[in-house]
């Protein structure tokens, strides 16, 4: 290799390392920007419709965003009293469940699994000291663990001002992208040599369609799962059914892990009434999981994006470990972007295999 080639390779490697380091430091900004782009693609489609009825995009895009905010505020104001009361019931009943679980564990062989580590034998001098406080119970230990997990999983949400600022930034990014999406598409194409721009346009178009389909499908799945869960829990006479349904709908945004997390408090609340009701709620969530995995997701998402489930699980888990819950939020759409780009630019163009993107041959 010539010295110029070595320098060029070294410069590329150094640039990649600097970019990765910057991404690691500013990953919150990257996540907010990605969410803004994702929402902006959906708003742009609505702005296209308004433009066809003679409403300019500069007015149509803000109108769509403000209408969405108004709907969310109205829904929240309508459900707030019921959700507050049911959330209070859940917060009151869950400690009782933990106390009951701790008493059962103390009477069972499984008690060794949650027993605190024995302290060393006291010295004669220590025997005259005041007695040490009793070891923390199961509720205290779980509370401490959950508090530590929340700090690790929700680093962006530790500040109310930061959370509100991030939400506002997402809305403004989405609005500006929806007002003039061609401006940003043209800017990206300026970075591509003229001979490759037709293919780059196809890739950008495929990415836009893929992300828009993903977001719309995921929102529909959230509404369906939340509504079905709330109604089913109400029929089973589970306390806090509306709050648990809303929780199930929100956590549906995170594939695989979200539905499991939403089932835990529902099963716990049902167990307080009777083991039979707890078993019924467990069966309900298993049925909902099968419905979501075998009916709703394939109809809305899987046939269009063709994302292997194993890759989704690994990506969500990996980004959750590295970036917390915000990484889990963008894991699936980010994986879709990587798969579409890899299929079109490498598998199809370099390898020569005929692959499909969104149900269409690339």
Protein backbone atom coordinates (compact mmCIF):
# COMPACT_ATOMS: atom_id res chain seq x y z
CA UNK A 1 0.00 0.00 0.00
CA UNK A 2 1.22 3.46 -0.86
CA UNK A 3 1.67 6.10 1.79
CA UNK A 4 -1.27 8.11 0.43
CA UNK A 5 -3.55 5.06 0.71
CA UNK A 6 -2.39 4.45 4.27
CA UNK A 7 -3.06 8.08 5.20
CA UNK A 8 -6.48 7.97 3.56
CA UNK A 9 -7.46 4.80 5.43
CA UNK A 10 -6.13 6.22 8.69
CA UNK A 11 -8.10 9.42 8.15
CA UNK A 12 -11.31 7.44 7.48
CA UNK A 13 -10.81 5.30 10.58
CA UNK A 14 -10.07 8.37 12.70
CA UNK A 15 -13.14 10.14 11.34
CA UNK A 16 -15.35 7.14 12.11
CA UNK A 17 -13.99 6.96 15.66
CA UNK A 18 -14.59 10.67 16.20
CA UNK A 19 -18.15 10.33 14.83
CA UNK A 20 -18.87 7.36 17.11
CA UNK A 21 -17.47 9.23 20.10
CA UNK A 22 -19.61 12.25 19.30
CA UNK A 23 -22.66 10.00 18.88
CA UNK A 24 -21.99 8.43 22.27
CA UNK A 25 -21.72 11.82 23.99
CA UNK A 26 -24.68 13.40 22.18
CA UNK A 27 -26.86 10.29 21.80
CA UNK A 28 -29.81 12.10 23.40
CA UNK A 29 -29.79 14.67 20.59
CA UNK A 30 -29.55 11.85 18.05
CA UNK A 31 -32.57 10.10 19.58
CA UNK A 32 -34.62 13.32 19.66
CA UNK A 33 -33.68 14.11 16.05
CA UNK A 34 -34.55 10.60 14.89
CA UNK A 35 -37.94 10.76 16.63
CA UNK A 36 -38.55 14.17 15.05
CA UNK A 37 -37.75 12.81 11.59
CA UNK A 38 -40.01 9.82 12.21
CA UNK A 39 -42.92 12.02 13.25
CA UNK A 40 -42.16 14.51 10.49
CA UNK A 41 -42.59 11.86 7.79
CA UNK A 42 -46.08 11.07 9.10
CA UNK A 43 -47.00 14.76 9.39
CA UNK A 44 -45.70 15.33 5.85
CA UNK A 45 -48.19 12.80 4.50
CA UNK A 46 -51.04 14.64 6.22
CA UNK A 47 -49.66 17.95 4.88
CA UNK A 48 -49.69 16.43 1.38
CA UNK A 49 -53.42 15.78 1.73
CA UNK A 50 -54.08 19.32 2.98
CA UNK A 51 -52.06 20.73 0.10
CA UNK A 52 -54.31 18.94 -2.36
CA UNK A 53 -57.28 20.82 -0.91
CA UNK A 54 -55.45 24.13 -1.33
CA UNK A 55 -54.01 24.55 2.18
CA UNK A 56 -50.36 25.55 1.89
CA UNK A 57 -47.84 23.35 3.67
CA UNK A 58 -46.55 26.25 5.76
CA UNK A 59 -50.00 26.33 7.38
CA UNK A 60 -50.96 22.67 6.96
CA UNK A 61 -48.02 21.13 8.86
CA UNK A 62 -48.47 23.28 12.00
CA UNK A 63 -52.22 22.63 11.78
CA UNK A 64 -51.63 18.87 11.82
CA UNK A 65 -49.24 19.12 14.79
CA UNK A 66 -51.57 21.39 16.77
CA UNK A 67 -54.56 19.16 16.00
CA UNK A 68 -52.67 16.12 17.26
CA UNK A 69 -51.70 17.96 20.45
CA UNK A 70 -55.30 19.07 20.96
CA UNK A 71 -56.53 15.48 20.61
CA UNK A 72 -53.94 14.25 23.12
CA UNK A 73 -54.83 16.99 25.61
CA UNK A 74 -58.55 16.28 25.22
CA UNK A 75 -58.04 12.54 25.68
CA UNK A 76 -55.83 13.14 28.70
CA UNK A 77 -58.32 15.53 30.30
CA UNK A 78 -61.14 13.03 29.73
CA UNK A 79 -59.29 10.07 31.17
CA UNK A 80 -57.32 11.91 33.87
CA UNK A 81 -59.85 11.60 36.76
CA UNK A 82 -60.40 7.89 36.16
CA UNK A 83 -56.71 7.19 35.60
CA UNK A 84 -55.75 9.11 38.75
CA UNK A 85 -58.17 7.14 40.90
CA UNK A 86 -57.23 3.80 39.41
CA UNK A 87 -53.51 4.58 39.60
CA UNK A 88 -54.01 5.40 43.28
CA UNK A 89 -55.68 2.02 43.76
CA UNK A 90 -52.79 0.27 42.05
CA UNK A 91 -50.23 2.15 44.14
CA UNK A 92 -52.16 1.15 47.29
CA UNK A 93 -52.66 -2.50 46.41
CA UNK A 94 -49.24 -3.39 45.02
CA UNK A 95 -47.44 -3.03 48.40
CA UNK A 96 -50.02 -5.41 49.91
CA UNK A 97 -49.21 -7.92 47.20
CA UNK A 98 -45.48 -7.62 47.93
CA UNK A 99 -46.11 -8.13 51.65
CA UNK A 100 -48.19 -11.23 50.90
CA UNK A 101 -45.48 -12.54 48.57
CA UNK A 102 -42.83 -11.99 51.24
CA UNK A 103 -44.85 -13.90 53.85
CA UNK A 104 -45.33 -16.77 51.41
CA UNK A 105 -41.64 -16.83 50.58
CA UNK A 106 -40.71 -16.94 54.27
CA UNK A 107 -42.80 -20.10 54.63
CA UNK A 108 -41.48 -21.80 51.49
CA UNK A 109 -38.15 -23.28 50.35
CA UNK A 110 -37.80 -20.35 47.95
CA UNK A 111 -37.08 -18.10 50.94
CA UNK A 112 -33.36 -18.73 50.48
CA UNK A 113 -33.51 -16.92 47.13
CA UNK A 114 -34.55 -13.60 48.67
CA UNK A 115 -32.91 -13.93 52.09
CA UNK A 116 -30.31 -11.18 52.70
CA UNK A 117 -26.70 -12.31 52.91
CA UNK A 118 -25.81 -13.32 56.50
CA UNK A 119 -23.61 -10.87 58.34
CA UNK A 120 -20.36 -12.06 59.94
CA UNK A 121 -20.43 -13.22 63.55
CA UNK A 122 -20.21 -10.26 65.93
CA UNK A 123 -17.12 -9.74 68.04
CA UNK A 124 -17.44 -9.55 71.86
CA UNK A 125 -17.12 -5.76 71.66
CA UNK A 126 -19.80 -5.57 69.02
CA UNK A 127 -22.15 -7.67 71.15
CA UNK A 128 -22.47 -4.82 73.64
CA UNK A 129 -23.32 -2.30 70.89
CA UNK A 130 -26.95 -1.44 70.08
CA UNK A 131 -28.74 -4.04 68.00
CA UNK A 132 -28.54 -3.53 64.26
CA UNK A 133 -31.77 -2.66 62.46
CA UNK A 134 -33.60 -5.62 60.88
CA UNK A 135 -32.73 -6.45 57.29
CA UNK A 136 -34.91 -4.74 54.68
CA UNK A 137 -37.98 -6.61 53.51
CA UNK A 138 -38.86 -7.68 50.01
CA UNK A 139 -40.78 -4.44 49.33
CA UNK A 140 -37.84 -2.26 50.40
CA UNK A 141 -35.33 -4.24 48.35
CA UNK A 142 -37.55 -4.20 45.26
CA UNK A 143 -38.15 -0.48 45.69
CA UNK A 144 -34.42 0.17 45.89
CA UNK A 145 -33.75 -2.00 42.83
CA UNK A 146 -36.54 -0.37 40.83
CA UNK A 147 -35.28 3.09 41.76
CA UNK A 148 -31.82 2.20 40.53
CA UNK A 149 -33.25 0.67 37.36
CA UNK A 150 -35.34 3.77 36.69
CA UNK A 151 -32.27 5.97 36.95
CA UNK A 152 -30.46 3.70 34.48
CA UNK A 153 -33.34 3.28 32.04
CA UNK A 154 -34.70 6.84 32.10
CA UNK A 155 -31.62 9.09 32.11
CA UNK A 156 -33.31 11.60 29.78
CA UNK A 157 -36.44 11.80 31.94
CA UNK A 158 -34.66 12.69 35.20
CA UNK A 159 -35.29 16.37 34.50
CA UNK A 160 -38.82 17.60 33.90
CA UNK A 161 -37.49 20.61 32.00
CA UNK A 162 -35.29 18.34 29.86
CA UNK A 163 -38.22 16.04 29.08
CA UNK A 164 -40.48 18.93 28.07
CA UNK A 165 -37.68 20.49 26.03
CA UNK A 166 -37.06 17.23 24.20
CA UNK A 167 -40.76 16.84 23.44
CA UNK A 168 -41.00 20.39 22.08
CA UNK A 169 -37.85 19.85 20.00
CA UNK A 170 -39.35 16.70 18.46
CA UNK A 171 -42.48 18.63 17.50
CA UNK A 172 -40.52 21.47 15.89
CA UNK A 173 -38.27 19.09 13.95
CA UNK A 174 -41.33 17.21 12.69
CA UNK A 175 -43.08 20.43 11.71
CA UNK A 176 -40.12 21.85 9.78
CA UNK A 177 -39.55 18.56 7.94
CA UNK A 178 -43.23 18.36 7.01
CA UNK A 179 -43.27 21.95 5.72
CA UNK A 180 -40.48 21.38 3.19
CA UNK A 181 -39.27 17.75 3.02
CA UNK A 182 -37.68 18.35 -0.40
CA UNK A 183 -35.19 20.80 1.12
CA UNK A 184 -33.66 18.15 3.38
CA UNK A 185 -33.82 15.42 0.72
CA UNK A 186 -31.96 17.68 -1.72
CA UNK A 187 -29.38 18.47 0.94
CA UNK A 188 -28.64 14.78 1.43
CA UNK A 189 -28.43 14.19 -2.32
CA UNK A 190 -25.82 16.95 -2.65
CA UNK A 191 -23.49 14.68 -0.69
CA UNK A 192 -23.82 11.91 -3.30
CA UNK A 193 -21.91 11.91 -6.64
CA UNK A 194 -24.11 12.66 -9.66
CA UNK A 195 -23.77 9.16 -11.09
CA UNK A 196 -25.23 7.58 -7.94
CA UNK A 197 -28.00 10.10 -7.25
CA UNK A 198 -30.81 8.16 -8.98
CA UNK A 199 -30.13 5.16 -6.75
CA UNK A 200 -29.79 7.42 -3.71
CA UNK A 201 -33.21 8.90 -4.46
CA UNK A 202 -34.70 5.39 -4.56
CA UNK A 203 -33.10 4.57 -1.20
CA UNK A 204 -34.35 7.76 0.44
CA UNK A 205 -37.84 7.15 -0.92
CA UNK A 206 -37.82 3.57 0.38
CA UNK A 207 -36.62 4.74 3.79
CA UNK A 208 -39.34 7.39 3.99
CA UNK A 209 -42.05 4.88 3.08
CA UNK A 210 -40.66 2.29 5.51
CA UNK A 211 -40.49 4.65 8.49
CA UNK A 212 -43.93 6.10 7.75
CA UNK A 213 -45.46 2.62 7.52
CA UNK A 214 -43.74 1.58 10.73
CA UNK A 215 -44.99 4.58 12.71
CA UNK A 216 -48.58 4.33 11.47
CA UNK A 217 -48.68 0.57 12.07
CA UNK A 218 -47.22 0.92 15.56
CA UNK A 219 -49.71 3.66 16.53
CA UNK A 220 -52.63 1.54 15.30
CA UNK A 221 -51.32 -1.43 17.28
CA UNK A 222 -51.00 0.73 20.41
CA UNK A 223 -54.62 1.88 20.15
CA UNK A 224 -55.94 -1.63 19.47
CA UNK A 225 -53.96 -3.32 22.25
CA UNK A 226 -54.78 -0.58 24.75
CA UNK A 227 -58.50 -0.68 23.98
CA UNK A 228 -58.74 -4.49 23.96
CA UNK A 229 -56.76 -4.76 27.21
CA UNK A 230 -58.86 -2.14 29.00
CA UNK A 231 -62.17 -3.70 27.92
CA UNK A 232 -61.05 -7.25 28.73
CA UNK A 233 -59.77 -6.27 32.19
CA UNK A 234 -63.05 -4.46 32.86
CA UNK A 235 -65.00 -7.59 31.95
CA UNK A 236 -62.81 -9.55 34.38
CA UNK A 237 -63.55 -6.87 37.02
CA UNK A 238 -59.88 -6.06 37.58
CA UNK A 239 -59.36 -2.85 39.53
CA UNK A 240 -57.60 -0.10 37.60
CA UNK A 241 -58.62 -1.56 34.24
CA UNK A 242 -58.51 1.78 32.41
CA UNK A 243 -55.08 2.70 33.77
CA UNK A 244 -53.75 -0.77 32.95
CA UNK A 245 -55.19 -0.53 29.43
CA UNK A 246 -53.50 2.83 28.86
CA UNK A 247 -50.24 1.39 30.22
CA UNK A 248 -50.52 -1.60 27.85
CA UNK A 249 -51.12 0.73 24.90
CA UNK A 250 -48.15 2.96 25.73
CA UNK A 251 -45.75 0.07 26.31
CA UNK A 252 -46.85 -1.53 23.03
CA UNK A 253 -44.52 1.02 21.39
CA UNK A 254 -41.59 -1.08 22.67
CA UNK A 255 -41.80 -4.48 20.91
CA UNK A 256 -41.59 -7.74 22.90
CA UNK A 257 -40.45 -6.18 26.19
CA UNK A 258 -43.25 -3.62 26.51
CA UNK A 259 -46.16 -6.12 26.59
CA UNK A 260 -44.36 -8.22 29.20
CA UNK A 261 -43.78 -5.18 31.40
CA UNK A 262 -47.44 -4.12 31.13
CA UNK A 263 -48.65 -7.57 32.24
CA UNK A 264 -46.83 -7.58 35.59
CA UNK A 265 -48.92 -4.96 37.47
CA UNK A 266 -52.18 -6.30 36.01
CA UNK A 267 -51.47 -9.84 37.19
CA UNK A 268 -50.37 -8.51 40.59
CA UNK A 269 -53.59 -6.53 41.09
CA UNK A 270 -55.69 -9.53 40.05
CA UNK A 271 -53.87 -11.83 42.48
CA UNK A 272 -54.95 -9.59 45.36
CA UNK A 273 -58.56 -10.57 44.66
CA UNK A 274 -58.04 -14.28 44.06
CA UNK A 275 -55.56 -16.72 42.48
CA UNK A 276 -58.26 -17.61 39.93
CA UNK A 277 -58.53 -14.00 38.76
CA UNK A 278 -54.75 -13.75 38.57
CA UNK A 279 -54.67 -16.87 36.39
CA UNK A 280 -57.43 -15.40 34.20
CA UNK A 281 -55.46 -12.19 33.69
CA UNK A 282 -52.32 -14.19 32.90
CA UNK A 283 -54.22 -16.15 30.26
CA UNK A 284 -55.66 -12.90 28.91
CA UNK A 285 -52.20 -11.38 28.40
CA UNK A 286 -50.94 -14.58 26.81
CA UNK A 287 -53.86 -14.47 24.37
CA UNK A 288 -53.21 -10.77 23.70
CA UNK A 289 -49.54 -11.52 23.08
CA UNK A 290 -50.47 -14.20 20.55
CA UNK A 291 -53.02 -11.86 18.95
CA UNK A 292 -50.45 -9.08 18.68
CA UNK A 293 -47.67 -11.34 17.44
CA UNK A 294 -49.66 -13.48 14.99
CA UNK A 295 -52.46 -11.20 13.76
CA UNK A 296 -51.98 -7.48 14.44
CA UNK A 297 -48.24 -7.14 13.82
CA UNK A 298 -48.15 -9.32 10.67
CA UNK A 299 -51.14 -7.50 9.17
CA UNK A 300 -49.89 -4.00 9.99
CA UNK A 301 -46.12 -4.28 10.02
CA UNK A 302 -44.31 -7.52 9.33
CA UNK A 303 -45.45 -8.08 5.72
CA UNK A 304 -44.49 -4.53 4.80
CA UNK A 305 -41.13 -4.28 6.56
CA UNK A 306 -40.04 -7.93 6.70
CA UNK A 307 -38.05 -7.50 9.94
CA UNK A 308 -36.87 -10.84 11.43
CA UNK A 309 -38.15 -11.16 15.02
CA UNK A 310 -34.76 -12.32 16.38
CA UNK A 311 -33.04 -9.22 15.03
CA UNK A 312 -35.73 -7.06 16.61
CA UNK A 313 -35.31 -8.68 20.04
CA UNK A 314 -31.51 -8.41 19.95
CA UNK A 315 -31.55 -4.80 18.73
CA UNK A 316 -34.12 -3.66 21.30
CA UNK A 317 -32.19 -5.38 24.11
CA UNK A 318 -28.81 -4.03 22.97
CA UNK A 319 -29.95 -0.42 22.58
CA UNK A 320 -31.85 -0.67 25.85
CA UNK A 321 -28.69 -1.72 27.68
CA UNK A 322 -26.58 1.01 26.06
CA UNK A 323 -28.98 3.97 25.91
CA UNK A 324 -31.81 3.02 28.28
CA UNK A 325 -35.48 3.21 27.39
CA UNK A 326 -34.91 5.91 24.75
CA UNK A 327 -32.75 3.42 22.88
CA UNK A 328 -35.55 0.87 23.02
CA UNK A 329 -37.96 3.43 21.54
CA UNK A 330 -35.93 3.88 18.36
CA UNK A 331 -34.54 0.34 18.10
CA UNK A 332 -37.09 -1.11 15.68
CA UNK A 333 -37.30 1.84 13.23
CA UNK A 334 -33.52 2.20 13.33
CA UNK A 335 -33.20 -1.50 12.53
CA UNK A 336 -35.63 -1.02 9.63
CA UNK A 337 -33.43 1.79 8.26
CA UNK A 338 -30.31 -0.39 8.48
CA UNK A 339 -32.02 -3.37 6.83
CA UNK A 340 -33.49 -1.34 3.96
CA UNK A 341 -30.16 0.38 3.27
CA UNK A 342 -28.21 -2.88 3.47
CA UNK A 343 -30.60 -4.74 1.19
CA UNK A 344 -30.70 -2.05 -1.48
CA UNK A 345 -27.08 -0.87 -1.52
CA UNK A 346 -25.21 -4.07 -0.65
CA UNK A 347 -27.27 -7.22 -1.13
CA UNK A 348 -28.88 -6.02 -4.35
CA UNK A 349 -26.23 -3.71 -5.86
CA UNK A 350 -23.02 -5.42 -4.72
CA UNK A 351 -23.90 -9.08 -4.18
CA UNK A 352 -26.48 -9.12 -6.95
CA UNK A 353 -29.25 -10.96 -5.12
CA UNK A 354 -32.84 -9.97 -5.84
CA UNK A 355 -34.23 -8.83 -2.47
CA UNK A 356 -37.50 -7.19 -1.54
CA UNK A 357 -38.05 -4.00 0.42
CA UNK A 358 -41.53 -3.38 1.74
CA UNK A 359 -43.02 -6.07 -0.44
CA UNK A 360 -41.45 -4.69 -3.63
CA UNK A 361 -38.31 -5.88 -5.40
CA UNK A 362 -35.52 -3.37 -5.00
